[in-house]
Amino acid sequence: MRRSMKANRGRDTQPELAVRRLLHAVGLRYRVNFRPIPRLN
């Protein structure tokens, strides 16, 4: 199970990438995989 769990992405998944491409195309700039509240993990 460990190997299969390691293969799962925590970021840059296909749905995320598709949405980010569209946001970028309309001129929006953003942070990726970012802590909105730094002290909150």
PDB file of all heavy atoms in Angstrom:
ATOM      1  N   MET A   1       0.827  -1.192   0.000  1.00  0.00           N
ATOM      2  CA  MET A   1       0.000   0.000   0.000  1.00  0.00           C
ATOM      3  C   MET A   1       0.871   1.255   0.000  1.00  0.00           C
ATOM      4  O   MET A   1       0.496   2.248  -0.583  1.00  0.00           O
ATOM      5  CB  MET A   1      -0.918   0.001   1.224  1.00  0.00           C
ATOM      6  CG  MET A   1      -1.718   1.269   1.305  1.00  0.00           C
ATOM      7  SD  MET A   1      -3.349   1.132   1.921  1.00  0.00           S
ATOM      8  CE  MET A   1      -3.095   1.537   3.609  1.00  0.00           C
ATOM      9  N   ARG A   2       2.018   1.215   0.613  1.00  0.00           N
ATOM     10  CA  ARG A   2       2.870   2.395   0.693  1.00  0.00           C
ATOM     11  C   ARG A   2       3.208   2.953  -0.686  1.00  0.00           C
ATOM     12  O   ARG A   2       3.156   4.150  -0.905  1.00  0.00           O
ATOM     13  CB  ARG A   2       4.133   2.049   1.468  1.00  0.00           C
ATOM     14  CG  ARG A   2       5.070   3.221   1.652  1.00  0.00           C
ATOM     15  CD  ARG A   2       6.180   2.863   2.622  1.00  0.00           C
ATOM     16  NE  ARG A   2       7.293   3.758   2.544  1.00  0.00           N
ATOM     17  CZ  ARG A   2       7.318   4.976   3.021  1.00  0.00           C
ATOM     18  NH1 ARG A   2       6.263   5.466   3.597  1.00  0.00           N
ATOM     19  NH2 ARG A   2       8.394   5.732   2.919  1.00  0.00           N
ATOM     20  N   ARG A   3       3.550   2.078  -1.622  1.00  0.00           N
ATOM     21  CA  ARG A   3       3.923   2.539  -2.967  1.00  0.00           C
ATOM     22  C   ARG A   3       2.738   3.225  -3.651  1.00  0.00           C
ATOM     23  O   ARG A   3       2.890   4.265  -4.282  1.00  0.00           O
ATOM     24  CB  ARG A   3       4.404   1.373  -3.809  1.00  0.00           C
ATOM     25  CG  ARG A   3       4.969   1.839  -5.135  1.00  0.00           C
ATOM     26  CD  ARG A   3       5.497   0.725  -5.990  1.00  0.00           C
ATOM     27  NE  ARG A   3       6.254  -0.223  -5.193  1.00  0.00           N
ATOM     28  CZ  ARG A   3       6.551  -1.445  -5.590  1.00  0.00           C
ATOM     29  NH1 ARG A   3       6.151  -1.861  -6.761  1.00  0.00           N
ATOM     30  NH2 ARG A   3       7.244  -2.251  -4.829  1.00  0.00           N
ATOM     31  N   SER A   4       1.556   2.648  -3.512  1.00  0.00           N
ATOM     32  CA  SER A   4       0.400   3.258  -4.167  1.00  0.00           C
ATOM     33  C   SER A   4       0.031   4.585  -3.514  1.00  0.00           C
ATOM     34  O   SER A   4      -0.415   5.506  -4.188  1.00  0.00           O
ATOM     35  CB  SER A   4      -0.803   2.310  -4.150  1.00  0.00           C
ATOM     36  OG  SER A   4      -1.263   2.113  -2.838  1.00  0.00           O
ATOM     37  N   MET A   5       0.213   4.704  -2.219  1.00  0.00           N
ATOM     38  CA  MET A   5      -0.077   5.972  -1.542  1.00  0.00           C
ATOM     39  C   MET A   5       0.915   7.050  -1.976  1.00  0.00           C
ATOM     40  O   MET A   5       0.535   8.201  -2.148  1.00  0.00           O
ATOM     41  CB  MET A   5      -0.024   5.799  -0.017  1.00  0.00           C
ATOM     42  CG  MET A   5      -1.148   4.957   0.541  1.00  0.00           C
ATOM     43  SD  MET A   5      -2.733   5.749   0.409  1.00  0.00           S
ATOM     44  CE  MET A   5      -2.597   6.901   1.752  1.00  0.00           C
ATOM     45  N   LYS A   6       2.175   6.674  -2.155  1.00  0.00           N
ATOM     46  CA  LYS A   6       3.176   7.652  -2.573  1.00  0.00           C
ATOM     47  C   LYS A   6       2.916   8.156  -3.988  1.00  0.00           C
ATOM     48  O   LYS A   6       3.312   9.251  -4.345  1.00  0.00           O
ATOM     49  CB  LYS A   6       4.576   7.040  -2.486  1.00  0.00           C
ATOM     50  CG  LYS A   6       5.078   6.878  -1.058  1.00  0.00           C
ATOM     51  CD  LYS A   6       6.434   6.245  -1.022  1.00  0.00           C
ATOM     52  CE  LYS A   6       7.466   7.266  -1.384  1.00  0.00           C
ATOM     53  NZ  LYS A   6       8.838   6.812  -1.176  1.00  0.00           N
ATOM     54  N   ALA A   7       2.234   7.355  -4.793  1.00  0.00           N
ATOM     55  CA  ALA A   7       1.963   7.744  -6.174  1.00  0.00           C
ATOM     56  C   ALA A   7       0.835   8.764  -6.276  1.00  0.00           C
ATOM     57  O   ALA A   7       0.677   9.404  -7.318  1.00  0.00           O
ATOM     58  CB  ALA A   7       1.614   6.507  -7.001  1.00  0.00           C
ATOM     59  N   ASN A   8       0.059   8.933  -5.231  1.00  0.00           N
ATOM     60  CA  ASN A   8      -1.038   9.897  -5.263  1.00  0.00           C
ATOM     61  C   ASN A   8      -0.498  11.308  -5.091  1.00  0.00           C
ATOM     62  O   ASN A   8       0.250  11.587  -4.173  1.00  0.00           O
ATOM     63  CB  ASN A   8      -2.051   9.586  -4.162  1.00  0.00           C
ATOM     64  CG  ASN A   8      -2.779   8.309  -4.435  1.00  0.00           C
ATOM     65  OD1 ASN A   8      -3.272   8.105  -5.531  1.00  0.00           O
ATOM     66  ND2 ASN A   8      -2.829   7.436  -3.451  1.00  0.00           N
ATOM     67  N   ARG A   9      -0.937  12.171  -5.966  1.00  0.00           N
ATOM     68  CA  ARG A   9      -0.443  13.545  -5.953  1.00  0.00           C
ATOM     69  C   ARG A   9      -1.177  14.377  -4.912  1.00  0.00           C
ATOM     70  O   ARG A   9      -2.387  14.297  -4.802  1.00  0.00           O
ATOM     71  CB  ARG A   9      -0.640  14.184  -7.320  1.00  0.00           C
ATOM     72  CG  ARG A   9       0.203  13.571  -8.407  1.00  0.00           C
ATOM     73  CD  ARG A   9      -0.049  14.334  -9.697  1.00  0.00           C
ATOM     74  NE  ARG A   9       1.039  14.261 -10.615  1.00  0.00           N
ATOM     75  CZ  ARG A   9       2.181  14.917 -10.517  1.00  0.00           C
ATOM     76  NH1 ARG A   9       2.412  15.686  -9.509  1.00  0.00           N
ATOM     77  NH2 ARG A   9       3.101  14.804 -11.441  1.00  0.00           N
ATOM     78  N   GLY A  10      -0.436  15.213  -4.217  1.00  0.00           N
ATOM     79  CA  GLY A  10      -1.034  16.150  -3.280  1.00  0.00           C
ATOM     80  C   GLY A  10      -1.255  17.510  -3.930  1.00  0.00           C
ATOM     81  O   GLY A  10      -1.997  18.339  -3.433  1.00  0.00           O
ATOM     82  N   ARG A  11      -0.598  17.717  -5.053  1.00  0.00           N
ATOM     83  CA  ARG A  11      -0.731  18.971  -5.784  1.00  0.00           C
ATOM     84  C   ARG A  11      -0.524  18.697  -7.262  1.00  0.00           C
ATOM     85  O   ARG A  11      -0.084  17.625  -7.641  1.00  0.00           O
ATOM     86  CB  ARG A  11       0.267  20.006  -5.287  1.00  0.00           C
ATOM     87  CG  ARG A  11       1.711  19.587  -5.449  1.00  0.00           C
ATOM     88  CD  ARG A  11       2.685  20.635  -5.034  1.00  0.00           C
ATOM     89  NE  ARG A  11       2.806  21.631  -6.086  1.00  0.00           N
ATOM     90  CZ  ARG A  11       3.557  22.714  -6.005  1.00  0.00           C
ATOM     91  NH1 ARG A  11       4.232  22.957  -4.931  1.00  0.00           N
ATOM     92  NH2 ARG A  11       3.615  23.565  -6.999  1.00  0.00           N
ATOM     93  N   ASP A  12      -0.857  19.690  -8.070  1.00  0.00           N
ATOM     94  CA  ASP A  12      -0.693  19.594  -9.523  1.00  0.00           C
ATOM     95  C   ASP A  12      -1.470  18.423 -10.137  1.00  0.00           C
ATOM     96  O   ASP A  12      -1.006  17.780 -11.075  1.00  0.00           O
ATOM     97  CB  ASP A  12       0.788  19.503  -9.913  1.00  0.00           C
ATOM     98  CG  ASP A  12       1.568  20.728  -9.500  1.00  0.00           C
ATOM     99  OD1 ASP A  12       0.948  21.804  -9.347  1.00  0.00           O
ATOM    100  OD2 ASP A  12       2.798  20.627  -9.325  1.00  0.00           O
ATOM    101  N   THR A  13      -2.659  18.169  -9.615  1.00  0.00           N
ATOM    102  CA  THR A  13      -3.505  17.139 -10.205  1.00  0.00           C
ATOM    103  C   THR A  13      -4.066  17.656 -11.531  1.00  0.00           C
ATOM    104  O   THR A  13      -4.046  18.874 -11.788  1.00  0.00           O
ATOM    105  CB  THR A  13      -4.667  16.767  -9.266  1.00  0.00           C
ATOM    106  OG1 THR A  13      -5.501  17.918  -9.086  1.00  0.00           O
ATOM    107  CG2 THR A  13      -4.154  16.265  -7.915  1.00  0.00           C
ATOM    108  N   GLN A  14      -4.567  16.782 -12.355  1.00  0.00           N
ATOM    109  CA  GLN A  14      -5.111  17.198 -13.645  1.00  0.00           C
ATOM    110  C   GLN A  14      -6.242  18.225 -13.500  1.00  0.00           C
ATOM    111  O   GLN A  14      -6.242  19.227 -14.228  1.00  0.00           O
ATOM    112  CB  GLN A  14      -5.582  15.978 -14.447  1.00  0.00           C
ATOM    113  CG  GLN A  14      -4.436  15.141 -14.988  1.00  0.00           C
ATOM    114  CD  GLN A  14      -3.486  15.944 -15.872  1.00  0.00           C
ATOM    115  OE1 GLN A  14      -3.932  16.687 -16.747  1.00  0.00           O
ATOM    116  NE2 GLN A  14      -2.193  15.806 -15.641  1.00  0.00           N
ATOM    117  N   PRO A  15      -7.198  18.020 -12.569  1.00  0.00           N
ATOM    118  CA  PRO A  15      -8.239  19.048 -12.414  1.00  0.00           C
ATOM    119  C   PRO A  15      -7.668  20.408 -12.001  1.00  0.00           C
ATOM    120  O   PRO A  15      -8.100  21.451 -12.501  1.00  0.00           O
ATOM    121  CB  PRO A  15      -9.151  18.478 -11.330  1.00  0.00           C
ATOM    122  CG  PRO A  15      -8.928  17.006 -11.378  1.00  0.00           C
ATOM    123  CD  PRO A  15      -7.488  16.836 -11.765  1.00  0.00           C
ATOM    124  N   GLU A  16      -6.678  20.407 -11.094  1.00  0.00           N
ATOM    125  CA  GLU A  16      -6.051  21.674 -10.674  1.00  0.00           C
ATOM    126  C   GLU A  16      -5.352  22.346 -11.847  1.00  0.00           C
ATOM    127  O   GLU A  16      -5.502  23.563 -12.058  1.00  0.00           O
ATOM    128  CB  GLU A  16      -5.007  21.425  -9.583  1.00  0.00           C
ATOM    129  CG  GLU A  16      -5.553  21.081  -8.232  1.00  0.00           C
ATOM    130  CD  GLU A  16      -4.422  20.776  -7.261  1.00  0.00           C
ATOM    131  OE1 GLU A  16      -3.360  21.425  -7.329  1.00  0.00           O
ATOM    132  OE2 GLU A  16      -4.607  19.870  -6.436  1.00  0.00           O
ATOM    133  N   LEU A  17      -4.578  21.588 -12.593  1.00  0.00           N
ATOM    134  CA  LEU A  17      -3.839  22.163 -13.718  1.00  0.00           C
ATOM    135  C   LEU A  17      -4.780  22.754 -14.758  1.00  0.00           C
ATOM    136  O   LEU A  17      -4.520  23.834 -15.294  1.00  0.00           O
ATOM    137  CB  LEU A  17      -2.945  21.092 -14.362  1.00  0.00           C
ATOM    138  CG  LEU A  17      -1.769  20.614 -13.517  1.00  0.00           C
ATOM    139  CD1 LEU A  17      -1.065  19.451 -14.195  1.00  0.00           C
ATOM    140  CD2 LEU A  17      -0.794  21.744 -13.235  1.00  0.00           C
ATOM    141  N   ALA A  18      -5.870  22.065 -15.031  1.00  0.00           N
ATOM    142  CA  ALA A  18      -6.833  22.568 -16.019  1.00  0.00           C
ATOM    143  C   ALA A  18      -7.421  23.899 -15.566  1.00  0.00           C
ATOM    144  O   ALA A  18      -7.513  24.853 -16.360  1.00  0.00           O
ATOM    145  CB  ALA A  18      -7.935  21.537 -16.238  1.00  0.00           C
ATOM    146  N   VAL A  19      -7.803  23.993 -14.309  1.00  0.00           N
ATOM    147  CA  VAL A  19      -8.380  25.235 -13.784  1.00  0.00           C
ATOM    148  C   VAL A  19      -7.324  26.340 -13.765  1.00  0.00           C
ATOM    149  O   VAL A  19      -7.599  27.474 -14.171  1.00  0.00           O
ATOM    150  CB  VAL A  19      -8.982  25.008 -12.376  1.00  0.00           C
ATOM    151  CG1 VAL A  19      -9.351  26.329 -11.715  1.00  0.00           C
ATOM    152  CG2 VAL A  19     -10.196  24.086 -12.465  1.00  0.00           C
ATOM    153  N   ARG A  20      -6.134  26.021 -13.333  1.00  0.00           N
ATOM    154  CA  ARG A  20      -5.075  27.036 -13.280  1.00  0.00           C
ATOM    155  C   ARG A  20      -4.751  27.584 -14.671  1.00  0.00           C
ATOM    156  O   ARG A  20      -4.542  28.797 -14.831  1.00  0.00           O
ATOM    157  CB  ARG A  20      -3.830  26.467 -12.600  1.00  0.00           C
ATOM    158  CG  ARG A  20      -4.046  26.311 -11.124  1.00  0.00           C
ATOM    159  CD  ARG A  20      -2.899  25.813 -10.300  1.00  0.00           C
ATOM    160  NE  ARG A  20      -1.680  25.452 -10.947  1.00  0.00           N
ATOM    161  CZ  ARG A  20      -0.909  24.433 -10.541  1.00  0.00           C
ATOM    162  NH1 ARG A  20      -1.269  23.671  -9.510  1.00  0.00           N
ATOM    163  NH2 ARG A  20       0.224  24.167 -11.152  1.00  0.00           N
ATOM    164  N   ARG A  21      -4.710  26.712 -15.674  1.00  0.00           N
ATOM    165  CA  ARG A  21      -4.446  27.186 -17.042  1.00  0.00           C
ATOM    166  C   ARG A  21      -5.504  28.205 -17.475  1.00  0.00           C
ATOM    167  O   ARG A  21      -5.180  29.232 -18.075  1.00  0.00           O
ATOM    168  CB  ARG A  21      -4.455  26.007 -18.018  1.00  0.00           C
ATOM    169  CG  ARG A  21      -3.119  25.372 -18.213  1.00  0.00           C
ATOM    170  CD  ARG A  21      -3.143  24.345 -19.339  1.00  0.00           C
ATOM    171  NE  ARG A  21      -2.410  23.174 -18.900  1.00  0.00           N
ATOM    172  CZ  ARG A  21      -2.942  22.047 -18.441  1.00  0.00           C
ATOM    173  NH1 ARG A  21      -4.240  21.887 -18.401  1.00  0.00           N
ATOM    174  NH2 ARG A  21      -2.185  21.057 -18.041  1.00  0.00           N
ATOM    175  N   LEU A  22      -6.755  27.891 -17.179  1.00  0.00           N
ATOM    176  CA  LEU A  22      -7.845  28.796 -17.562  1.00  0.00           C
ATOM    177  C   LEU A  22      -7.778  30.120 -16.800  1.00  0.00           C
ATOM    178  O   LEU A  22      -8.019  31.183 -17.378  1.00  0.00           O
ATOM    179  CB  LEU A  22      -9.191  28.109 -17.336  1.00  0.00           C
ATOM    180  CG  LEU A  22      -9.468  26.914 -18.256  1.00  0.00           C
ATOM    181  CD1 LEU A  22     -10.626  26.090 -17.728  1.00  0.00           C
ATOM    182  CD2 LEU A  22      -9.723  27.388 -19.674  1.00  0.00           C
ATOM    183  N   LEU A  23      -7.449  30.067 -15.523  1.00  0.00           N
ATOM    184  CA  LEU A  23      -7.328  31.298 -14.732  1.00  0.00           C
ATOM    185  C   LEU A  23      -6.187  32.160 -15.260  1.00  0.00           C
ATOM    186  O   LEU A  23      -6.310  33.376 -15.379  1.00  0.00           O
ATOM    187  CB  LEU A  23      -7.108  30.963 -13.258  1.00  0.00           C
ATOM    188  CG  LEU A  23      -8.274  30.308 -12.529  1.00  0.00           C
ATOM    189  CD1 LEU A  23      -7.838  29.860 -11.132  1.00  0.00           C
ATOM    190  CD2 LEU A  23      -9.461  31.247 -12.448  1.00  0.00           C
ATOM    191  N   HIS A  24      -5.073  31.521 -15.565  1.00  0.00           N
ATOM    192  CA  HIS A  24      -3.917  32.242 -16.081  1.00  0.00           C
ATOM    193  C   HIS A  24      -4.242  32.872 -17.437  1.00  0.00           C
ATOM    194  O   HIS A  24      -3.843  34.006 -17.722  1.00  0.00           O
ATOM    195  CB  HIS A  24      -2.730  31.291 -16.195  1.00  0.00           C
ATOM    196  CG  HIS A  24      -1.430  31.984 -16.365  1.00  0.00           C
ATOM    197  ND1 HIS A  24      -0.929  32.328 -17.604  1.00  0.00           N
ATOM    198  CD2 HIS A  24      -0.523  32.414 -15.461  1.00  0.00           C
ATOM    199  CE1 HIS A  24       0.236  32.923 -17.444  1.00  0.00           C
ATOM    200  NE2 HIS A  24       0.509  32.998 -16.158  1.00  0.00           N
ATOM    201  N   ALA A  25      -5.002  32.168 -18.258  1.00  0.00           N
ATOM    202  CA  ALA A  25      -5.355  32.658 -19.595  1.00  0.00           C
ATOM    203  C   ALA A  25      -6.204  33.926 -19.551  1.00  0.00           C
ATOM    204  O   ALA A  25      -6.150  34.728 -20.481  1.00  0.00           O
ATOM    205  CB  ALA A  25      -6.096  31.568 -20.369  1.00  0.00           C
ATOM    206  N   VAL A  26      -6.966  34.110 -18.471  1.00  0.00           N
ATOM    207  CA  VAL A  26      -7.764  35.337 -18.354  1.00  0.00           C
ATOM    208  C   VAL A  26      -7.036  36.422 -17.558  1.00  0.00           C
ATOM    209  O   VAL A  26      -7.633  37.418 -17.176  1.00  0.00           O
ATOM    210  CB  VAL A  26      -9.176  35.080 -17.756  1.00  0.00           C
ATOM    211  CG1 VAL A  26      -9.997  34.209 -18.680  1.00  0.00           C
ATOM    212  CG2 VAL A  26      -9.112  34.516 -16.355  1.00  0.00           C
ATOM    213  N   GLY A  27      -5.749  36.191 -17.307  1.00  0.00           N
ATOM    214  CA  GLY A  27      -4.929  37.228 -16.697  1.00  0.00           C
ATOM    215  C   GLY A  27      -4.843  37.214 -15.184  1.00  0.00           C
ATOM    216  O   GLY A  27      -4.283  38.139 -14.600  1.00  0.00           O
ATOM    217  N   LEU A  28      -5.391  36.202 -14.546  1.00  0.00           N
ATOM    218  CA  LEU A  28      -5.324  36.143 -13.079  1.00  0.00           C
ATOM    219  C   LEU A  28      -4.002  35.511 -12.639  1.00  0.00           C
ATOM    220  O   LEU A  28      -3.541  34.537 -13.235  1.00  0.00           O
ATOM    221  CB  LEU A  28      -6.499  35.358 -12.517  1.00  0.00           C
ATOM    222  CG  LEU A  28      -7.869  35.998 -12.730  1.00  0.00           C
ATOM    223  CD1 LEU A  28      -8.969  35.088 -12.208  1.00  0.00           C
ATOM    224  CD2 LEU A  28      -7.935  37.349 -12.033  1.00  0.00           C
ATOM    225  N   ARG A  29      -3.428  36.072 -11.592  1.00  0.00           N
ATOM    226  CA  ARG A  29      -2.188  35.543 -11.028  1.00  0.00           C
ATOM    227  C   ARG A  29      -2.464  35.113  -9.598  1.00  0.00           C
ATOM    228  O   ARG A  29      -3.231  35.766  -8.877  1.00  0.00           O
ATOM    229  CB  ARG A  29      -1.076  36.585 -11.090  1.00  0.00           C
ATOM    230  CG  ARG A  29      -0.761  37.032 -12.512  1.00  0.00           C
ATOM    231  CD  ARG A  29      -0.347  35.859 -13.403  1.00  0.00           C
ATOM    232  NE  ARG A  29      -0.096  36.248 -14.786  1.00  0.00           N
ATOM    233  CZ  ARG A  29      -0.917  36.024 -15.796  1.00  0.00           C
ATOM    234  NH1 ARG A  29      -2.081  35.432 -15.591  1.00  0.00           N
ATOM    235  NH2 ARG A  29      -0.592  36.384 -17.015  1.00  0.00           N
ATOM    236  N   TYR A  30      -1.822  34.046  -9.171  1.00  0.00           N
ATOM    237  CA  TYR A  30      -2.172  33.396  -7.915  1.00  0.00           C
ATOM    238  C   TYR A  30      -0.973  32.638  -7.372  1.00  0.00           C
ATOM    239  O   TYR A  30       0.041  32.469  -8.046  1.00  0.00           O
ATOM    240  CB  TYR A  30      -3.330  32.419  -8.154  1.00  0.00           C
ATOM    241  CG  TYR A  30      -3.115  31.580  -9.395  1.00  0.00           C
ATOM    242  CD1 TYR A  30      -2.304  30.450  -9.370  1.00  0.00           C
ATOM    243  CD2 TYR A  30      -3.675  31.954 -10.617  1.00  0.00           C
ATOM    244  CE1 TYR A  30      -2.069  29.718 -10.509  1.00  0.00           C
ATOM    245  CE2 TYR A  30      -3.446  31.215 -11.761  1.00  0.00           C
ATOM    246  CZ  TYR A  30      -2.645  30.090 -11.702  1.00  0.00           C
ATOM    247  OH  TYR A  30      -2.402  29.373 -12.831  1.00  0.00           O
ATOM    248  N   ARG A  31      -1.108  32.189  -6.157  1.00  0.00           N
ATOM    249  CA  ARG A  31      -0.115  31.317  -5.526  1.00  0.00           C
ATOM    250  C   ARG A  31      -0.648  29.885  -5.599  1.00  0.00           C
ATOM    251  O   ARG A  31      -1.859  29.668  -5.536  1.00  0.00           O
ATOM    252  CB  ARG A  31       0.109  31.695  -4.065  1.00  0.00           C
ATOM    253  CG  ARG A  31       0.512  33.132  -3.805  1.00  0.00           C
ATOM    254  CD  ARG A  31       1.891  33.489  -4.350  1.00  0.00           C
ATOM    255  NE  ARG A  31       2.962  32.685  -3.815  1.00  0.00           N
ATOM    256  CZ  ARG A  31       3.748  33.028  -2.798  1.00  0.00           C
ATOM    257  NH1 ARG A  31       3.570  34.195  -2.204  1.00  0.00           N
ATOM    258  NH2 ARG A  31       4.702  32.246  -2.390  1.00  0.00           N
ATOM    259  N   VAL A  32       0.247  28.921  -5.699  1.00  0.00           N
ATOM    260  CA  VAL A  32      -0.126  27.517  -5.813  1.00  0.00           C
ATOM    261  C   VAL A  32       0.338  26.762  -4.569  1.00  0.00           C
ATOM    262  O   VAL A  32       1.462  26.972  -4.095  1.00  0.00           O
ATOM    263  CB  VAL A  32       0.523  26.892  -7.070  1.00  0.00           C
ATOM    264  CG1 VAL A  32       0.238  25.397  -7.153  1.00  0.00           C
ATOM    265  CG2 VAL A  32       0.023  27.593  -8.318  1.00  0.00           C
ATOM    266  N   ASN A  33      -0.545  25.895  -4.055  1.00  0.00           N
ATOM    267  CA  ASN A  33      -0.208  25.059  -2.899  1.00  0.00           C
ATOM    268  C   ASN A  33       0.365  25.927  -1.777  1.00  0.00           C
ATOM    269  O   ASN A  33       1.475  25.716  -1.314  1.00  0.00           O
ATOM    270  CB  ASN A  33       0.781  23.966  -3.317  1.00  0.00           C
ATOM    271  CG  ASN A  33       0.740  22.789  -2.381  1.00  0.00           C
ATOM    272  OD1 ASN A  33      -0.341  22.353  -1.982  1.00  0.00           O
ATOM    273  ND2 ASN A  33       1.897  22.267  -2.014  1.00  0.00           N
ATOM    274  N   PHE A  34      -0.410  26.887  -1.356  1.00  0.00           N
ATOM    275  CA  PHE A  34       0.038  27.953  -0.466  1.00  0.00           C
ATOM    276  C   PHE A  34      -0.802  27.967   0.808  1.00  0.00           C
ATOM    277  O   PHE A  34      -2.003  27.698   0.768  1.00  0.00           O
ATOM    278  CB  PHE A  34      -0.119  29.288  -1.220  1.00  0.00           C
ATOM    279  CG  PHE A  34       0.421  30.481  -0.518  1.00  0.00           C
ATOM    280  CD1 PHE A  34       1.772  30.732  -0.486  1.00  0.00           C
ATOM    281  CD2 PHE A  34      -0.440  31.369   0.100  1.00  0.00           C
ATOM    282  CE1 PHE A  34       2.273  31.860   0.156  1.00  0.00           C
ATOM    283  CE2 PHE A  34       0.039  32.500   0.742  1.00  0.00           C
ATOM    284  CZ  PHE A  34       1.403  32.731   0.771  1.00  0.00           C
ATOM    285  N   ARG A  35      -0.175  28.299   1.921  1.00  0.00           N
ATOM    286  CA  ARG A  35      -0.889  28.440   3.191  1.00  0.00           C
ATOM    287  C   ARG A  35      -1.501  29.835   3.287  1.00  0.00           C
ATOM    288  O   ARG A  35      -0.768  30.817   3.434  1.00  0.00           O
ATOM    289  CB  ARG A  35       0.061  28.271   4.374  1.00  0.00           C
ATOM    290  CG  ARG A  35       0.554  26.888   4.600  1.00  0.00           C
ATOM    291  CD  ARG A  35       1.414  26.868   5.845  1.00  0.00           C
ATOM    292  NE  ARG A  35       2.030  25.569   6.005  1.00  0.00           N
ATOM    293  CZ  ARG A  35       2.840  25.257   6.989  1.00  0.00           C
ATOM    294  NH1 ARG A  35       3.136  26.168   7.910  1.00  0.00           N
ATOM    295  NH2 ARG A  35       3.352  24.067   7.073  1.00  0.00           N
ATOM    296  N   PRO A  36      -2.820  29.937   3.252  1.00  0.00           N
ATOM    297  CA  PRO A  36      -3.434  31.264   3.373  1.00  0.00           C
ATOM    298  C   PRO A  36      -3.124  31.907   4.727  1.00  0.00           C
ATOM    299  O   PRO A  36      -2.914  33.109   4.815  1.00  0.00           O
ATOM    300  CB  PRO A  36      -4.925  30.990   3.233  1.00  0.00           C
ATOM    301  CG  PRO A  36      -5.022  29.676   2.549  1.00  0.00           C
ATOM    302  CD  PRO A  36      -3.813  28.909   2.967  1.00  0.00           C
ATOM    303  N   ILE A  37      -3.105  31.099   5.770  1.00  0.00           N
ATOM    304  CA  ILE A  37      -2.739  31.566   7.104  1.00  0.00           C
ATOM    305  C   ILE A  37      -1.447  30.831   7.461  1.00  0.00           C
ATOM    306  O   ILE A  37      -1.469  29.616   7.701  1.00  0.00           O
ATOM    307  CB  ILE A  37      -3.844  31.265   8.140  1.00  0.00           C
ATOM    308  CG1 ILE A  37      -5.161  31.915   7.717  1.00  0.00           C
ATOM    309  CG2 ILE A  37      -3.422  31.715   9.528  1.00  0.00           C
ATOM    310  CD1 ILE A  37      -6.341  31.534   8.582  1.00  0.00           C
ATOM    311  N   PRO A  38      -0.315  31.530   7.473  1.00  0.00           N
ATOM    312  CA  PRO A  38       0.971  30.857   7.650  1.00  0.00           C
ATOM    313  C   PRO A  38       1.067  29.942   8.871  1.00  0.00           C
ATOM    314  O   PRO A  38       1.640  28.858   8.791  1.00  0.00           O
ATOM    315  CB  PRO A  38       1.970  32.017   7.751  1.00  0.00           C
ATOM    316  CG  PRO A  38       1.308  33.118   6.997  1.00  0.00           C
ATOM    317  CD  PRO A  38      -0.157  32.965   7.265  1.00  0.00           C
ATOM    318  N   ARG A  39       0.477  30.328   9.986  1.00  0.00           N
ATOM    319  CA  ARG A  39       0.596  29.513  11.198  1.00  0.00           C
ATOM    320  C   ARG A  39      -0.332  28.294  11.189  1.00  0.00           C
ATOM    321  O   ARG A  39      -0.215  27.414  12.017  1.00  0.00           O
ATOM    322  CB  ARG A  39       0.353  30.367  12.438  1.00  0.00           C
ATOM    323  CG  ARG A  39      -1.050  30.877  12.571  1.00  0.00           C
ATOM    324  CD  ARG A  39      -1.211  31.855  13.738  1.00  0.00           C
ATOM    325  NE  ARG A  39      -2.550  32.371  13.782  1.00  0.00           N
ATOM    326  CZ  ARG A  39      -3.038  33.332  13.012  1.00  0.00           C
ATOM    327  NH1 ARG A  39      -2.245  33.901  12.120  1.00  0.00           N
ATOM    328  NH2 ARG A  39      -4.281  33.729  13.110  1.00  0.00           N
ATOM    329  N   LEU A  40      -1.262  28.255  10.241  1.00  0.00           N
ATOM    330  CA  LEU A  40      -2.174  27.123  10.093  1.00  0.00           C
ATOM    331  C   LEU A  40      -1.573  26.161   9.067  1.00  0.00           C
ATOM    332  O   LEU A  40      -1.359  26.528   7.917  1.00  0.00           O
ATOM    333  CB  LEU A  40      -3.553  27.607   9.631  1.00  0.00           C
ATOM    334  CG  LEU A  40      -4.635  26.546   9.455  1.00  0.00           C
ATOM    335  CD1 LEU A  40      -4.932  25.847  10.779  1.00  0.00           C
ATOM    336  CD2 LEU A  40      -5.901  27.180   8.900  1.00  0.00           C
ATOM    337  N   ASN A  41      -1.314  24.945   9.475  1.00  0.00           N
ATOM    338  CA  ASN A  41      -0.633  23.980   8.615  1.00  0.00           C
ATOM    339  C   ASN A  41      -1.605  23.352   7.607  1.00  0.00           C
ATOM    340  O   ASN A  41      -1.813  22.149   7.600  1.00  0.00           O
ATOM    341  CB  ASN A  41       0.035  22.900   9.466  1.00  0.00           C
ATOM    342  CG  ASN A  41       0.964  22.036   8.654  1.00  0.00           C
ATOM    343  OD1 ASN A  41       1.374  22.407   7.560  1.00  0.00           O
ATOM    344  ND2 ASN A  41       1.294  20.875   9.181  1.00  0.00           N
TER     345      ASN A  41
END
